[in-house]
């Protein structure tokens, strides 16, 4: 009977460790009106070298295709 209790306690510790991150996320999500990480910028509003490079490449390809 002692082995069953030990196994139950070990499984309880493992389950607690597995679900603590989910509980923390739910707690933070409900704390700030659906914004778990505070005020964040929407995607695409901040300038980025990679975004500028991609836009330049797309514009270059469009102009090459339009000339044909």
N, C-alpha and C. Protein backbone atom coordinates (compact mmCIF):
# COMPACT_ATOMS: atom_id res chain seq x y z
N UNK A 1 0.83 -1.20 0.00
CA UNK A 1 0.00 0.00 0.00
C UNK A 1 0.87 1.26 0.00
N UNK A 2 2.03 1.18 0.62
CA UNK A 2 2.92 2.34 0.67
C UNK A 2 3.44 2.71 -0.70
N UNK A 3 3.63 1.70 -1.57
CA UNK A 3 4.10 1.97 -2.93
C UNK A 3 3.09 2.74 -3.75
N UNK A 4 1.81 2.45 -3.53
CA UNK A 4 0.74 3.15 -4.25
C UNK A 4 0.70 4.61 -3.83
N UNK A 5 0.86 4.87 -2.56
CA UNK A 5 0.84 6.26 -2.07
C UNK A 5 2.05 7.03 -2.61
N UNK A 6 3.21 6.38 -2.61
CA UNK A 6 4.41 7.04 -3.16
C UNK A 6 4.22 7.34 -4.64
N UNK A 7 3.68 6.39 -5.39
CA UNK A 7 3.44 6.59 -6.81
C UNK A 7 2.45 7.72 -7.04
N UNK A 8 1.40 7.77 -6.21
CA UNK A 8 0.40 8.84 -6.32
C UNK A 8 1.04 10.21 -6.07
N UNK A 9 1.88 10.31 -5.08
CA UNK A 9 2.52 11.58 -4.77
C UNK A 9 3.49 12.00 -5.88
N UNK A 10 4.24 11.05 -6.43
CA UNK A 10 5.14 11.37 -7.53
C UNK A 10 4.37 11.84 -8.75
N UNK A 11 3.26 11.16 -9.05
CA UNK A 11 2.43 11.57 -10.19
C UNK A 11 1.81 12.94 -9.96
N UNK A 12 1.46 13.24 -8.73
CA UNK A 12 0.89 14.54 -8.39
C UNK A 12 1.93 15.65 -8.59
N UNK A 13 3.16 15.39 -8.21
CA UNK A 13 4.23 16.38 -8.39
C UNK A 13 4.49 16.60 -9.89
N UNK A 14 4.51 15.52 -10.67
CA UNK A 14 4.74 15.65 -12.12
C UNK A 14 3.60 16.41 -12.78
N UNK A 15 2.36 16.11 -12.40
CA UNK A 15 1.21 16.80 -12.98
C UNK A 15 1.22 18.28 -12.60
N UNK A 16 1.60 18.59 -11.39
CA UNK A 16 1.68 19.98 -10.96
C UNK A 16 2.73 20.73 -11.77
N UNK A 17 3.88 20.11 -11.96
CA UNK A 17 4.94 20.75 -12.74
C UNK A 17 4.52 20.93 -14.19
N UNK A 18 3.71 20.03 -14.71
CA UNK A 18 3.29 20.13 -16.11
C UNK A 18 2.27 21.24 -16.32
N UNK A 19 1.39 21.47 -15.36
CA UNK A 19 0.30 22.40 -15.56
C UNK A 19 0.51 23.77 -14.92
N UNK A 20 1.59 23.97 -14.21
CA UNK A 20 1.87 25.29 -13.62
C UNK A 20 2.02 26.37 -14.69
N UNK A 21 2.74 26.14 -15.80
CA UNK A 21 2.84 27.20 -16.81
C UNK A 21 1.48 27.60 -17.40
N UNK A 22 0.61 26.62 -17.60
CA UNK A 22 -0.72 26.93 -18.12
C UNK A 22 -1.51 27.76 -17.13
N UNK A 23 -1.45 27.40 -15.87
CA UNK A 23 -2.15 28.17 -14.85
C UNK A 23 -1.62 29.59 -14.74
N UNK A 24 -0.30 29.74 -14.84
CA UNK A 24 0.29 31.07 -14.77
C UNK A 24 -0.15 31.92 -15.95
N UNK A 25 -0.18 31.32 -17.16
CA UNK A 25 -0.62 32.07 -18.33
C UNK A 25 -2.07 32.49 -18.20
N UNK A 26 -2.93 31.61 -17.73
CA UNK A 26 -4.34 31.95 -17.54
C UNK A 26 -4.48 33.06 -16.51
N UNK A 27 -3.70 32.99 -15.44
CA UNK A 27 -3.73 34.04 -14.41
C UNK A 27 -3.33 35.39 -14.99
N UNK A 28 -2.23 35.42 -15.75
CA UNK A 28 -1.78 36.68 -16.34
C UNK A 28 -2.76 37.17 -17.40
N UNK A 29 -3.37 36.25 -18.14
CA UNK A 29 -4.31 36.64 -19.19
C UNK A 29 -5.55 37.30 -18.62
N UNK A 30 -6.04 36.80 -17.52
CA UNK A 30 -7.23 37.38 -16.91
C UNK A 30 -6.92 38.61 -16.08
N UNK A 31 -5.67 38.83 -15.76
CA UNK A 31 -5.30 39.94 -14.89
C UNK A 31 -5.38 41.29 -15.61
N UNK A 32 -5.00 41.36 -16.89
CA UNK A 32 -4.92 42.64 -17.59
C UNK A 32 -5.88 42.71 -18.77
N UNK A 33 -7.11 42.31 -18.59
CA UNK A 33 -8.14 42.41 -19.62
C UNK A 33 -7.74 41.75 -20.94
N UNK A 34 -7.25 40.56 -20.86
CA UNK A 34 -6.92 39.82 -22.07
C UNK A 34 -5.58 40.15 -22.68
N UNK A 35 -4.71 40.84 -21.96
CA UNK A 35 -3.38 41.16 -22.47
C UNK A 35 -2.35 40.59 -21.49
N UNK A 36 -1.96 39.33 -21.70
CA UNK A 36 -1.09 38.68 -20.71
C UNK A 36 0.30 39.28 -20.63
N UNK A 37 0.75 39.96 -21.66
CA UNK A 37 2.11 40.49 -21.66
C UNK A 37 2.11 42.01 -21.67
N UNK A 38 1.02 42.62 -21.25
CA UNK A 38 0.96 44.07 -21.20
C UNK A 38 0.71 44.67 -22.56
N UNK A 39 1.04 45.92 -22.70
CA UNK A 39 0.84 46.63 -23.96
C UNK A 39 1.94 46.23 -24.94
N UNK A 40 1.57 45.60 -26.02
CA UNK A 40 2.53 45.22 -27.05
C UNK A 40 2.11 45.87 -28.36
N UNK A 41 3.08 46.10 -29.23
CA UNK A 41 2.78 46.70 -30.52
C UNK A 41 2.18 45.66 -31.45
N UNK A 42 1.20 46.07 -32.25
CA UNK A 42 0.71 45.14 -33.27
C UNK A 42 1.81 44.83 -34.27
N UNK A 43 1.73 43.68 -34.87
CA UNK A 43 2.77 43.25 -35.80
C UNK A 43 2.81 44.18 -37.01
N UNK A 44 3.98 44.64 -37.37
CA UNK A 44 4.15 45.45 -38.56
C UNK A 44 4.24 46.94 -38.31
N UNK A 45 4.01 47.40 -37.10
CA UNK A 45 4.05 48.83 -36.84
C UNK A 45 5.46 49.36 -36.61
N UNK A 46 6.35 48.53 -36.14
CA UNK A 46 7.69 49.00 -35.85
C UNK A 46 8.58 48.82 -37.08
N UNK A 47 9.48 49.77 -37.33
CA UNK A 47 10.36 49.63 -38.49
C UNK A 47 11.33 48.49 -38.29
N UNK A 48 11.64 47.82 -39.40
CA UNK A 48 12.53 46.68 -39.33
C UNK A 48 13.36 46.61 -40.60
N UNK A 49 14.64 46.32 -40.46
CA UNK A 49 15.52 46.19 -41.61
C UNK A 49 15.07 45.03 -42.51
N UNK A 50 14.64 43.94 -41.90
CA UNK A 50 14.22 42.78 -42.68
C UNK A 50 12.95 43.10 -43.46
N UNK A 51 12.00 43.81 -42.84
CA UNK A 51 10.78 44.18 -43.56
C UNK A 51 11.09 45.13 -44.71
N UNK A 52 11.97 46.09 -44.48
CA UNK A 52 12.35 47.02 -45.54
C UNK A 52 13.03 46.29 -46.69
N UNK A 53 13.91 45.35 -46.36
CA UNK A 53 14.60 44.58 -47.38
C UNK A 53 13.61 43.73 -48.19
N UNK A 54 12.64 43.12 -47.51
CA UNK A 54 11.65 42.31 -48.20
C UNK A 54 10.77 43.17 -49.11
N UNK A 55 10.38 44.35 -48.64
CA UNK A 55 9.57 45.25 -49.47
C UNK A 55 10.34 45.71 -50.70
N UNK A 56 11.63 45.99 -50.52
CA UNK A 56 12.46 46.39 -51.65
C UNK A 56 12.58 45.26 -52.67
N UNK A 57 12.77 44.03 -52.19
CA UNK A 57 12.88 42.89 -53.09
C UNK A 57 11.57 42.65 -53.84
N UNK A 58 10.44 42.76 -53.16
CA UNK A 58 9.15 42.56 -53.80
C UNK A 58 8.91 43.64 -54.85
N UNK A 59 9.24 44.88 -54.52
CA UNK A 59 9.07 45.97 -55.47
C UNK A 59 9.96 45.75 -56.70
N UNK A 60 11.21 45.29 -56.49
CA UNK A 60 12.14 45.02 -57.59
C UNK A 60 11.59 43.93 -58.51
N UNK A 61 11.08 42.86 -57.92
CA UNK A 61 10.53 41.77 -58.72
C UNK A 61 9.29 42.22 -59.49
N UNK A 62 8.44 43.01 -58.85
CA UNK A 62 7.24 43.49 -59.53
C UNK A 62 7.60 44.37 -60.73
N UNK A 63 8.61 45.23 -60.57
CA UNK A 63 9.00 46.08 -61.70
C UNK A 63 9.62 45.27 -62.84
N UNK A 64 10.37 44.23 -62.50
CA UNK A 64 10.96 43.37 -63.54
C UNK A 64 9.88 42.60 -64.28
N UNK A 65 8.86 42.14 -63.57
CA UNK A 65 7.79 41.39 -64.22
C UNK A 65 6.89 42.32 -65.04
N UNK A 66 6.74 43.55 -64.60
CA UNK A 66 5.87 44.49 -65.31
C UNK A 66 6.51 44.94 -66.62
N UNK A 67 7.84 44.94 -66.74
CA UNK A 67 8.52 45.36 -67.95
C UNK A 67 8.40 44.32 -69.07
N UNK A 68 8.16 43.07 -68.73
CA UNK A 68 8.07 42.03 -69.74
C UNK A 68 6.81 42.07 -70.51
